Amino acid sequence: MKSQNEKILAYLRQGGMLDPIKALKLFGCWALSSRISDIVGKSGHSNMLIKSESIVRIPKHEKKSGKRYMQYCLIRGTK
């Protein structure tokens, strides 16, 4: 059985973009920013990304409610 981190990373590697609501619906993940930190190797976890991968944070702003949140995607470079 895959962990939330593994499922999230696989989703991002397939070109998906995640925000907290989508992560909750797809993976039952209440703390997406914490899972992203785990994936990139912060907080004492080992890095799950390969050298040419980076996760990008995209700030979003909901006009109706005024709420702000982050959206995440994975990019591949030429490292």
C-alpha atoms as a PDB file:
ATOM      1  CA  MET A   1       0.000   0.000   0.000  1.00  0.00           C
ATOM      2  CA  LYS A   2       1.407   3.373  -1.015  1.00  0.00           C
ATOM      3  CA  SER A   3       1.788   6.199   1.479  1.00  0.00           C
ATOM      4  CA  GLN A   4       0.148   9.600   0.958  1.00  0.00           C
ATOM      5  CA  ASN A   5       3.560  10.992   0.028  1.00  0.00           C
ATOM      6  CA  GLU A   6       4.033   8.357  -2.672  1.00  0.00           C
ATOM      7  CA  LYS A   7       0.521   8.905  -4.064  1.00  0.00           C
ATOM      8  CA  ILE A   8       0.958  12.686  -4.125  1.00  0.00           C
ATOM      9  CA  LEU A   9       4.351  12.440  -5.831  1.00  0.00           C
ATOM     10  CA  ALA A  10       3.004  10.008  -8.444  1.00  0.00           C
ATOM     11  CA  TYR A  11       0.105  12.386  -9.150  1.00  0.00           C
ATOM     12  CA  LEU A  12       2.468  15.347  -9.563  1.00  0.00           C
ATOM     13  CA  ARG A  13       4.783  13.305 -11.807  1.00  0.00           C
ATOM     14  CA  GLN A  14       1.806  12.614 -14.098  1.00  0.00           C
ATOM     15  CA  GLY A  15       1.430  16.370 -14.615  1.00  0.00           C
ATOM     16  CA  GLY A  16      -1.234  17.020 -12.007  1.00  0.00           C
ATOM     17  CA  MET A  17      -1.535  20.199  -9.965  1.00  0.00           C
ATOM     18  CA  LEU A  18      -2.613  19.960  -6.345  1.00  0.00           C
ATOM     19  CA  ASP A  19      -4.186  22.372  -3.913  1.00  0.00           C
ATOM     20  CA  PRO A  20      -5.313  21.481  -0.378  1.00  0.00           C
ATOM     21  CA  ILE A  21      -8.948  20.761  -1.330  1.00  0.00           C
ATOM     22  CA  LYS A  22      -7.988  18.488  -4.226  1.00  0.00           C
ATOM     23  CA  ALA A  23      -5.453  16.660  -2.026  1.00  0.00           C
ATOM     24  CA  LEU A  24      -8.155  16.071   0.575  1.00  0.00           C
ATOM     25  CA  LYS A  25     -10.591  14.730  -2.026  1.00  0.00           C
ATOM     26  CA  LEU A  26      -8.088  12.535  -3.874  1.00  0.00           C
ATOM     27  CA  PHE A  27      -5.857  11.282  -1.069  1.00  0.00           C
ATOM     28  CA  GLY A  28      -7.569  12.108   2.246  1.00  0.00           C
ATOM     29  CA  CYS A  29      -4.667  14.454   2.961  1.00  0.00           C
ATOM     30  CA  TRP A  30      -5.412  17.207   5.495  1.00  0.00           C
ATOM     31  CA  ALA A  31      -1.904  18.709   5.534  1.00  0.00           C
ATOM     32  CA  LEU A  32      -0.662  19.034   1.956  1.00  0.00           C
ATOM     33  CA  SER A  33       2.126  21.479   2.815  1.00  0.00           C
ATOM     34  CA  SER A  34       3.510  18.969   5.328  1.00  0.00           C
ATOM     35  CA  ARG A  35       3.403  16.162   2.763  1.00  0.00           C
ATOM     36  CA  ILE A  36       5.213  18.381   0.233  1.00  0.00           C
ATOM     37  CA  SER A  37       7.894  19.132   2.868  1.00  0.00           C
ATOM     38  CA  ASP A  38       8.296  15.382   3.419  1.00  0.00           C
ATOM     39  CA  ILE A  39       8.657  14.765  -0.328  1.00  0.00           C
ATOM     40  CA  VAL A  40      11.338  17.416  -0.863  1.00  0.00           C
ATOM     41  CA  GLY A  41      13.325  16.193   2.127  1.00  0.00           C
ATOM     42  CA  LYS A  42      12.660  18.865   4.744  1.00  0.00           C
ATOM     43  CA  SER A  43      11.786  18.016   8.357  1.00  0.00           C
ATOM     44  CA  GLY A  44      14.347  15.205   8.549  1.00  0.00           C
ATOM     45  CA  HIS A  45      12.813  13.094   5.774  1.00  0.00           C
ATOM     46  CA  SER A  46      14.860  11.829   2.853  1.00  0.00           C
ATOM     47  CA  ASN A  47      14.305  13.492  -0.502  1.00  0.00           C
ATOM     48  CA  MET A  48      11.911  11.513  -2.729  1.00  0.00           C
ATOM     49  CA  LEU A  49      12.623  13.586  -5.839  1.00  0.00           C
ATOM     50  CA  ILE A  50      15.189  12.736  -8.482  1.00  0.00           C
ATOM     51  CA  LYS A  51      17.870  15.347  -9.248  1.00  0.00           C
ATOM     52  CA  SER A  52      16.071  16.898 -12.217  1.00  0.00           C
ATOM     53  CA  GLU A  53      12.743  17.365 -10.368  1.00  0.00           C
ATOM     54  CA  SER A  54      11.492  20.318  -8.346  1.00  0.00           C
ATOM     55  CA  ILE A  55       8.154  21.049  -6.754  1.00  0.00           C
ATOM     56  CA  VAL A  56       6.916  24.571  -7.394  1.00  0.00           C
ATOM     57  CA  ARG A  57       4.548  26.480  -5.108  1.00  0.00           C
ATOM     58  CA  ILE A  58       2.064  28.730  -6.888  1.00  0.00           C
ATOM     59  CA  PRO A  59       0.221  31.235  -4.669  1.00  0.00           C
ATOM     60  CA  LYS A  60      -3.494  31.431  -5.472  1.00  0.00           C
ATOM     61  CA  HIS A  61      -6.157  33.894  -4.337  1.00  0.00           C
ATOM     62  CA  GLU A  62      -9.864  33.138  -4.361  1.00  0.00           C
ATOM     63  CA  LYS A  63     -11.669  36.308  -5.391  1.00  0.00           C
ATOM     64  CA  LYS A  64     -15.090  35.606  -3.848  1.00  0.00           C
ATOM     65  CA  SER A  65     -13.951  34.659  -0.360  1.00  0.00           C
ATOM     66  CA  GLY A  66     -10.584  36.426  -0.322  1.00  0.00           C
ATOM     67  CA  LYS A  67      -8.871  33.238   0.876  1.00  0.00           C
ATOM     68  CA  ARG A  68      -5.308  32.444  -0.144  1.00  0.00           C
ATOM     69  CA  TYR A  69      -3.812  29.016  -0.668  1.00  0.00           C
ATOM     70  CA  MET A  70      -0.948  27.271  -2.424  1.00  0.00           C
ATOM     71  CA  GLN A  71      -1.094  25.102  -5.489  1.00  0.00           C
ATOM     72  CA  TYR A  72       1.757  22.673  -6.184  1.00  0.00           C
ATOM     73  CA  CYS A  73       3.165  21.192  -9.384  1.00  0.00           C
ATOM     74  CA  LEU A  74       6.300  19.291 -10.339  1.00  0.00           C
ATOM     75  CA  ILE A  75       8.719  20.510 -12.969  1.00  0.00           C
ATOM     76  CA  ARG A  76      11.592  18.654 -14.552  1.00  0.00           C
ATOM     77  CA  GLY A  77      14.806  20.470 -15.334  1.00  0.00           C
ATOM     78  CA  THR A  78      18.136  19.496 -16.778  1.00  0.00           C
ATOM     79  CA  LYS A  79      20.205  19.203 -13.593  1.00  0.00           C
END
